[in-house]
Amino acid sequence: MSPLRLLSFSPEAFFSVFEQYNRAIGPAPVVAYALGLAVLALVFRPVPGAGRIVAAILGVMWAWNGVAYHLMHFAQINFMAPIFAAFFVVQGLLFAWTGVVRGKIAFRFRPDPVGWTGLGLAVFALAVYPLLGALAGHGWPRAAMFGVSPCPTTIFTLGLLLTIEGRTPLHLVAIPVLWSLVAGTAVWLLDVPEDLALPLAGLVALGLVFRKNRQTRSRPRPGRGAT
């Protein structure tokens, strides 16, 4: 059986939806890129309240992708889109609750393997992902743009989760990793070569989160076994 038969739509229909979507949202991608650069600036030079600001931006991006892309556009061709939308909105709410309301996460770049990997994923989502798309023949207005499209937003998020100080909450990791595996099928089903990075990013980030959390848990606390 041809892999395309697993889908209810063709690659042409998929990219046509992206074209309609990008034309409908106007300057939103420009705003998203500005917010993405602001997030990176806050990760490098945190200020009071930076964790809440970064979490709020990520939450808005995930909720936007759930409603504006999945529910209002992708649902035209994919019956699973409302389910995807629900997961994306839930992820946005998780960022809002954990990072904004409770203030439980702080983001800071550290020059170690985990930090550099996180930064690399974020930069890939902002700059390399759209370039690969253009080279593959689906540039603007059919491009999946950072912040307003699910896949580059997911890669960026996975990178940011690796810059969280201390333990990274696993409930913030689950949906991005799950989406990275689900959407990674686009590599061969829809001829989206840039999405090859999705499952790789998801698996690498998941492994590094477990390693990071284990090291954080085993690190001696001041006054408790530290010498």
C-alpha atoms as a PDB file:
ATOM      1  CA  MET A   1       0.000   0.000   0.000  1.00  0.00           C
ATOM      2  CA  SER A   2       1.255   3.481  -0.831  1.00  0.00           C
ATOM      3  CA  PRO A   3       2.081   5.562   2.277  1.00  0.00           C
ATOM      4  CA  LEU A   4      -0.085   8.357   0.929  1.00  0.00           C
ATOM      5  CA  ARG A   5      -3.150   6.154   1.349  1.00  0.00           C
ATOM      6  CA  LEU A   6      -2.681   6.472   5.076  1.00  0.00           C
ATOM      7  CA  LEU A   7      -3.663  10.121   4.700  1.00  0.00           C
ATOM      8  CA  SER A   8      -6.989  11.633   3.752  1.00  0.00           C
ATOM      9  CA  PHE A   9      -5.258  14.463   1.868  1.00  0.00           C
ATOM     10  CA  SER A  10      -2.451  14.978  -0.618  1.00  0.00           C
ATOM     11  CA  PRO A  11       0.797  16.922  -0.222  1.00  0.00           C
ATOM     12  CA  GLU A  12      -0.667  19.562  -2.554  1.00  0.00           C
ATOM     13  CA  ALA A  13      -3.707  19.988  -0.297  1.00  0.00           C
ATOM     14  CA  PHE A  14      -1.430  20.178   2.753  1.00  0.00           C
ATOM     15  CA  PHE A  15       0.682  22.998   1.342  1.00  0.00           C
ATOM     16  CA  SER A  16      -2.398  24.771  -0.019  1.00  0.00           C
ATOM     17  CA  VAL A  17      -3.726  24.942   3.540  1.00  0.00           C
ATOM     18  CA  PHE A  18      -0.443  26.488   4.663  1.00  0.00           C
ATOM     19  CA  GLU A  19      -0.704  29.063   1.881  1.00  0.00           C
ATOM     20  CA  GLN A  20      -4.254  30.005   2.904  1.00  0.00           C
ATOM     21  CA  TYR A  21      -3.238  30.098   6.548  1.00  0.00           C
ATOM     22  CA  ASN A  22      -0.169  32.293   6.040  1.00  0.00           C
ATOM     23  CA  ARG A  23      -2.140  34.755   3.938  1.00  0.00           C
ATOM     24  CA  ALA A  24      -4.917  34.863   6.535  1.00  0.00           C
ATOM     25  CA  ILE A  25      -2.722  35.623   9.552  1.00  0.00           C
ATOM     26  CA  GLY A  26      -0.959  38.615   7.999  1.00  0.00           C
ATOM     27  CA  PRO A  27       1.981  39.908  10.073  1.00  0.00           C
ATOM     28  CA  ALA A  28       1.668  37.247  12.782  1.00  0.00           C
ATOM     29  CA  PRO A  29       4.888  35.442  11.701  1.00  0.00           C
ATOM     30  CA  VAL A  30       6.858  38.676  12.088  1.00  0.00           C
ATOM     31  CA  VAL A  31       5.461  39.127  15.595  1.00  0.00           C
ATOM     32  CA  ALA A  32       6.288  35.492  16.380  1.00  0.00           C
ATOM     33  CA  TYR A  33       9.895  35.932  15.283  1.00  0.00           C
ATOM     34  CA  ALA A  34      10.223  39.066  17.403  1.00  0.00           C
ATOM     35  CA  LEU A  35       8.884  37.149  20.399  1.00  0.00           C
ATOM     36  CA  GLY A  36      11.244  34.257  19.674  1.00  0.00           C
ATOM     37  CA  LEU A  37      14.246  36.577  19.667  1.00  0.00           C
ATOM     38  CA  ALA A  38      12.989  38.159  22.894  1.00  0.00           C
ATOM     39  CA  VAL A  39      12.791  34.704  24.456  1.00  0.00           C
ATOM     40  CA  LEU A  40      16.396  33.942  23.515  1.00  0.00           C
ATOM     41  CA  ALA A  41      17.498  37.290  24.940  1.00  0.00           C
ATOM     42  CA  LEU A  42      15.755  36.483  28.234  1.00  0.00           C
ATOM     43  CA  VAL A  43      17.329  33.031  28.329  1.00  0.00           C
ATOM     44  CA  PHE A  44      20.794  34.556  27.941  1.00  0.00           C
ATOM     45  CA  ARG A  45      20.217  37.515  30.254  1.00  0.00           C
ATOM     46  CA  PRO A  46      17.353  36.723  32.642  1.00  0.00           C
ATOM     47  CA  VAL A  47      15.595  39.611  34.360  1.00  0.00           C
ATOM     48  CA  PRO A  48      13.096  39.498  37.230  1.00  0.00           C
ATOM     49  CA  GLY A  49       9.979  37.754  35.968  1.00  0.00           C
ATOM     50  CA  ALA A  50      11.742  36.362  32.887  1.00  0.00           C
ATOM     51  CA  GLY A  51      10.500  32.840  33.562  1.00  0.00           C
ATOM     52  CA  ARG A  52       6.903  33.992  33.569  1.00  0.00           C
ATOM     53  CA  ILE A  53       7.412  36.004  30.378  1.00  0.00           C
ATOM     54  CA  VAL A  54       9.015  33.104  28.498  1.00  0.00           C
ATOM     55  CA  ALA A  55       6.360  30.662  29.703  1.00  0.00           C
ATOM     56  CA  ALA A  56       3.616  33.090  28.657  1.00  0.00           C
ATOM     57  CA  ILE A  57       5.077  33.467  25.168  1.00  0.00           C
ATOM     58  CA  LEU A  58       5.412  29.707  24.718  1.00  0.00           C
ATOM     59  CA  GLY A  59       1.890  29.203  26.041  1.00  0.00           C
ATOM     60  CA  VAL A  60       0.430  31.721  23.609  1.00  0.00           C
ATOM     61  CA  MET A  61       2.294  30.145  20.695  1.00  0.00           C
ATOM     62  CA  TRP A  62       0.994  26.676  21.505  1.00  0.00           C
ATOM     63  CA  ALA A  63      -2.569  27.879  21.998  1.00  0.00           C
ATOM     64  CA  TRP A  64      -2.387  29.891  18.757  1.00  0.00           C
ATOM     65  CA  ASN A  65      -1.204  26.848  16.815  1.00  0.00           C
ATOM     66  CA  GLY A  66      -3.985  24.777  18.328  1.00  0.00           C
ATOM     67  CA  VAL A  67      -6.799  27.167  17.479  1.00  0.00           C
ATOM     68  CA  ALA A  68      -5.637  29.238  14.499  1.00  0.00           C
ATOM     69  CA  TYR A  69      -3.814  26.500  12.605  1.00  0.00           C
ATOM     70  CA  HIS A  70      -5.168  23.099  13.617  1.00  0.00           C
ATOM     71  CA  LEU A  71      -8.778  23.972  14.355  1.00  0.00           C
ATOM     72  CA  MET A  72      -9.429  26.766  11.875  1.00  0.00           C
ATOM     73  CA  HIS A  73      -7.335  25.584   8.916  1.00  0.00           C
ATOM     74  CA  PHE A  74      -5.859  22.087   9.132  1.00  0.00           C
ATOM     75  CA  ALA A  75      -9.278  20.706  10.094  1.00  0.00           C
ATOM     76  CA  GLN A  76     -10.400  21.439   6.526  1.00  0.00           C
ATOM     77  CA  ILE A  77      -8.433  18.417   5.305  1.00  0.00           C
ATOM     78  CA  ASN A  78      -7.603  16.321   8.385  1.00  0.00           C
ATOM     79  CA  PHE A  79     -10.291  14.865  10.653  1.00  0.00           C
ATOM     80  CA  MET A  80      -7.663  14.469  13.404  1.00  0.00           C
ATOM     81  CA  ALA A  81      -6.962  18.196  13.523  1.00  0.00           C
ATOM     82  CA  PRO A  82      -9.458  18.986  16.342  1.00  0.00           C
ATOM     83  CA  ILE A  83      -7.696  16.389  18.502  1.00  0.00           C
ATOM     84  CA  PHE A  84      -4.332  17.937  17.669  1.00  0.00           C
ATOM     85  CA  ALA A  85      -5.806  21.331  18.520  1.00  0.00           C
ATOM     86  CA  ALA A  86      -6.891  20.104  21.940  1.00  0.00           C
ATOM     87  CA  PHE A  87      -3.395  18.821  22.748  1.00  0.00           C
ATOM     88  CA  PHE A  88      -1.819  22.102  21.666  1.00  0.00           C
ATOM     89  CA  VAL A  89      -4.223  24.151  23.773  1.00  0.00           C
ATOM     90  CA  VAL A  90      -3.542  21.880  26.753  1.00  0.00           C
ATOM     91  CA  GLN A  91       0.193  22.456  26.297  1.00  0.00           C
ATOM     92  CA  GLY A  92      -0.424  26.189  26.247  1.00  0.00           C
ATOM     93  CA  LEU A  93      -2.425  25.921  29.466  1.00  0.00           C
ATOM     94  CA  LEU A  94       0.331  23.851  31.086  1.00  0.00           C
ATOM     95  CA  PHE A  95       2.850  26.591  30.339  1.00  0.00           C
ATOM     96  CA  ALA A  96       0.425  29.179  31.691  1.00  0.00           C
ATOM     97  CA  TRP A  97      -0.251  27.255  34.910  1.00  0.00           C
ATOM     98  CA  THR A  98       3.271  26.041  35.649  1.00  0.00           C
ATOM     99  CA  GLY A  99       5.271  28.996  34.429  1.00  0.00           C
ATOM    100  CA  VAL A 100       2.983  32.028  34.695  1.00  0.00           C
ATOM    101  CA  VAL A 101       0.538  31.369  37.532  1.00  0.00           C
ATOM    102  CA  ARG A 102       2.791  29.290  39.783  1.00  0.00           C
ATOM    103  CA  GLY A 103       6.120  30.682  38.583  1.00  0.00           C
ATOM    104  CA  LYS A 104       7.753  27.269  38.946  1.00  0.00           C
ATOM    105  CA  ILE A 105      10.201  27.439  36.041  1.00  0.00           C
ATOM    106  CA  ALA A 106      13.138  29.665  35.210  1.00  0.00           C
ATOM    107  CA  PHE A 107      15.071  29.650  31.953  1.00  0.00           C
ATOM    108  CA  ARG A 108      18.808  30.291  31.761  1.00  0.00           C
ATOM    109  CA  PHE A 109      21.374  29.264  29.169  1.00  0.00           C
ATOM    110  CA  ARG A 110      24.315  27.349  30.581  1.00  0.00           C
ATOM    111  CA  PRO A 111      27.381  26.542  28.437  1.00  0.00           C
ATOM    112  CA  ASP A 112      27.190  22.783  28.922  1.00  0.00           C
ATOM    113  CA  PRO A 113      26.142  20.024  26.483  1.00  0.00           C
ATOM    114  CA  VAL A 114      22.473  20.275  27.492  1.00  0.00           C
ATOM    115  CA  GLY A 115      22.434  24.054  27.197  1.00  0.00           C
ATOM    116  CA  TRP A 116      24.193  24.079  23.834  1.00  0.00           C
ATOM    117  CA  THR A 117      21.812  21.441  22.499  1.00  0.00           C
ATOM    118  CA  GLY A 118      18.850  23.511  23.644  1.00  0.00           C
ATOM    119  CA  LEU A 119      20.250  26.619  21.983  1.00  0.00           C
ATOM    120  CA  GLY A 120      20.961  24.662  18.806  1.00  0.00           C
ATOM    121  CA  LEU A 121      17.379  23.414  18.596  1.00  0.00           C
ATOM    122  CA  ALA A 122      16.017  26.924  19.153  1.00  0.00           C
ATOM    123  CA  VAL A 123      18.230  28.441  16.454  1.00  0.00           C
ATOM    124  CA  PHE A 124      17.379  25.578  14.095  1.00  0.00           C
ATOM    125  CA  ALA A 125      13.667  26.304  14.515  1.00  0.00           C
ATOM    126  CA  LEU A 126      14.126  30.025  13.926  1.00  0.00           C
ATOM    127  CA  ALA A 127      16.573  30.011  11.025  1.00  0.00           C
ATOM    128  CA  VAL A 128      17.470  26.614   9.578  1.00  0.00           C
ATOM    129  CA  TYR A 129      14.010  25.015   9.435  1.00  0.00           C
ATOM    130  CA  PRO A 130      12.460  27.631   7.078  1.00  0.00           C
ATOM    131  CA  LEU A 131      15.622  27.649   4.956  1.00  0.00           C
ATOM    132  CA  LEU A 132      15.412  23.880   4.474  1.00  0.00           C
ATOM    133  CA  GLY A 133      11.759  24.267   3.531  1.00  0.00           C
ATOM    134  CA  ALA A 134      12.600  26.871   0.919  1.00  0.00           C
ATOM    135  CA  LEU A 135      15.334  24.641  -0.515  1.00  0.00           C
ATOM    136  CA  ALA A 136      12.819  21.783  -0.692  1.00  0.00           C
ATOM    137  CA  GLY A 137      10.548  23.933  -2.852  1.00  0.00           C
ATOM    138  CA  HIS A 138       7.919  25.108  -0.404  1.00  0.00           C
ATOM    139  CA  GLY A 139       8.978  28.557   0.663  1.00  0.00           C
ATOM    140  CA  TRP A 140       6.680  31.482   1.402  1.00  0.00           C
ATOM    141  CA  PRO A 141       3.662  31.523   1.382  1.00  0.00           C
ATOM    142  CA  ARG A 142       3.591  27.732   1.724  1.00  0.00           C
ATOM    143  CA  ALA A 143       6.232  27.666   4.434  1.00  0.00           C
ATOM    144  CA  ALA A 144       5.766  26.466   7.991  1.00  0.00           C
ATOM    145  CA  MET A 145       6.879  29.526   9.931  1.00  0.00           C
ATOM    146  CA  PHE A 146       8.207  29.618  13.469  1.00  0.00           C
ATOM    147  CA  GLY A 147       5.748  30.496  16.211  1.00  0.00           C
ATOM    148  CA  VAL A 148       2.642  30.156  14.062  1.00  0.00           C
ATOM    149  CA  SER A 149       3.236  26.635  12.704  1.00  0.00           C
ATOM    150  CA  PRO A 150       3.330  23.529  14.884  1.00  0.00           C
ATOM    151  CA  CYS A 151       6.575  21.859  13.837  1.00  0.00           C
ATOM    152  CA  PRO A 152       9.151  24.662  14.176  1.00  0.00           C
ATOM    153  CA  THR A 153       7.354  25.817  17.327  1.00  0.00           C
ATOM    154  CA  THR A 154       7.740  22.322  18.771  1.00  0.00           C
ATOM    155  CA  ILE A 155      11.466  22.177  17.994  1.00  0.00           C
ATOM    156  CA  PHE A 156      11.947  25.622  19.556  1.00  0.00           C
ATOM    157  CA  THR A 157      10.022  24.541  22.644  1.00  0.00           C
ATOM    158  CA  LEU A 158      12.088  21.381  23.046  1.00  0.00           C
ATOM    159  CA  GLY A 159      15.194  23.539  22.956  1.00  0.00           C
ATOM    160  CA  LEU A 160      13.835  25.926  25.572  1.00  0.00           C
ATOM    161  CA  LEU A 161      12.861  23.071  27.879  1.00  0.00           C
ATOM    162  CA  LEU A 162      16.537  22.102  27.992  1.00  0.00           C
ATOM    163  CA  THR A 163      17.416  25.542  29.388  1.00  0.00           C
ATOM    164  CA  ILE A 164      15.112  25.298  32.411  1.00  0.00           C
ATOM    165  CA  GLU A 165      17.077  25.666  35.632  1.00  0.00           C
ATOM    166  CA  GLY A 166      17.003  22.600  37.849  1.00  0.00           C
ATOM    167  CA  ARG A 167      14.627  19.795  36.984  1.00  0.00           C
ATOM    168  CA  THR A 168      12.522  20.125  33.842  1.00  0.00           C
ATOM    169  CA  PRO A 169       8.870  19.255  34.639  1.00  0.00           C
ATOM    170  CA  LEU A 170       8.029  16.140  32.651  1.00  0.00           C
ATOM    171  CA  HIS A 171       4.433  17.253  32.110  1.00  0.00           C
ATOM    172  CA  LEU A 172       5.802  20.088  29.958  1.00  0.00           C
ATOM    173  CA  VAL A 173       7.828  17.649  27.871  1.00  0.00           C
ATOM    174  CA  ALA A 174       5.227  14.981  27.069  1.00  0.00           C
ATOM    175  CA  ILE A 175       3.134  16.726  24.395  1.00  0.00           C
ATOM    176  CA  PRO A 176       6.057  18.293  22.470  1.00  0.00           C
ATOM    177  CA  VAL A 177       7.805  14.902  22.318  1.00  0.00           C
ATOM    178  CA  LEU A 178       4.584  13.157  21.291  1.00  0.00           C
ATOM    179  CA  TRP A 179       3.964  15.703  18.537  1.00  0.00           C
ATOM    180  CA  SER A 180       7.550  15.412  17.323  1.00  0.00           C
ATOM    181  CA  LEU A 181       6.993  11.697  16.731  1.00  0.00           C
ATOM    182  CA  VAL A 182       3.532  12.054  15.183  1.00  0.00           C
ATOM    183  CA  ALA A 183       4.415  14.940  12.882  1.00  0.00           C
ATOM    184  CA  GLY A 184       7.745  13.377  11.951  1.00  0.00           C
ATOM    185  CA  THR A 185       5.837  11.070   9.605  1.00  0.00           C
ATOM    186  CA  ALA A 186       5.511  14.077   7.274  1.00  0.00           C
ATOM    187  CA  VAL A 187       9.091  13.422   6.164  1.00  0.00           C
ATOM    188  CA  TRP A 188       7.989  10.602   3.867  1.00  0.00           C
ATOM    189  CA  LEU A 189       4.200  10.948   3.752  1.00  0.00           C
ATOM    190  CA  LEU A 190       4.163  14.594   2.655  1.00  0.00           C
ATOM    191  CA  ASP A 191       7.719  15.151   1.393  1.00  0.00           C
ATOM    192  CA  VAL A 192       8.680  17.625   4.127  1.00  0.00           C
ATOM    193  CA  PRO A 193      12.406  16.889   4.587  1.00  0.00           C
ATOM    194  CA  GLU A 194      12.904  19.576   7.230  1.00  0.00           C
ATOM    195  CA  ASP A 195      10.610  17.578   9.511  1.00  0.00           C
ATOM    196  CA  LEU A 196      13.289  14.903   9.756  1.00  0.00           C
ATOM    197  CA  ALA A 197      14.566  17.062  12.615  1.00  0.00           C
ATOM    198  CA  LEU A 198      11.316  16.625  14.557  1.00  0.00           C
ATOM    199  CA  PRO A 199      11.637  13.041  15.832  1.00  0.00           C
ATOM    200  CA  LEU A 200      15.376  13.522  16.277  1.00  0.00           C
ATOM    201  CA  ALA A 201      14.794  16.656  18.351  1.00  0.00           C
ATOM    202  CA  GLY A 202      12.096  14.946  20.393  1.00  0.00           C
ATOM    203  CA  LEU A 203      14.154  11.878  21.227  1.00  0.00           C
ATOM    204  CA  VAL A 204      17.349  13.828  21.930  1.00  0.00           C
ATOM    205  CA  ALA A 205      15.516  16.334  24.123  1.00  0.00           C
ATOM    206  CA  LEU A 206      13.730  13.582  26.033  1.00  0.00           C
ATOM    207  CA  GLY A 207      16.987  11.756  26.712  1.00  0.00           C
ATOM    208  CA  LEU A 208      18.725  14.940  27.843  1.00  0.00           C
ATOM    209  CA  VAL A 209      15.814  15.911  30.093  1.00  0.00           C
ATOM    210  CA  PHE A 210      16.015  12.550  31.874  1.00  0.00           C
ATOM    211  CA  ARG A 211      19.782  12.906  32.204  1.00  0.00           C
ATOM    212  CA  LYS A 212      19.500  16.496  33.422  1.00  0.00           C
ATOM    213  CA  ASN A 213      16.784  15.659  35.951  1.00  0.00           C
ATOM    214  CA  ARG A 214      18.729  12.674  37.260  1.00  0.00           C
ATOM    215  CA  GLN A 215      21.864  14.787  37.729  1.00  0.00           C
ATOM    216  CA  THR A 216      19.861  17.530  39.426  1.00  0.00           C
ATOM    217  CA  ARG A 217      18.246  15.043  41.801  1.00  0.00           C
ATOM    218  CA  SER A 218      21.587  13.488  42.744  1.00  0.00           C
ATOM    219  CA  ARG A 219      23.370  16.804  43.235  1.00  0.00           C
ATOM    220  CA  PRO A 220      24.112  17.421  46.947  1.00  0.00           C
ATOM    221  CA  ARG A 221      22.133  20.219  48.544  1.00  0.00           C
ATOM    222  CA  PRO A 222      23.991  22.836  50.571  1.00  0.00           C
ATOM    223  CA  GLY A 223      24.450  21.549  54.108  1.00  0.00           C
ATOM    224  CA  ARG A 224      23.381  18.002  53.149  1.00  0.00           C
ATOM    225  CA  GLY A 225      26.413  15.957  52.350  1.00  0.00           C
ATOM    226  CA  ALA A 226      28.276  18.701  50.512  1.00  0.00           C
ATOM    227  CA  THR A 227      31.906  18.909  51.504  1.00  0.00           C
END
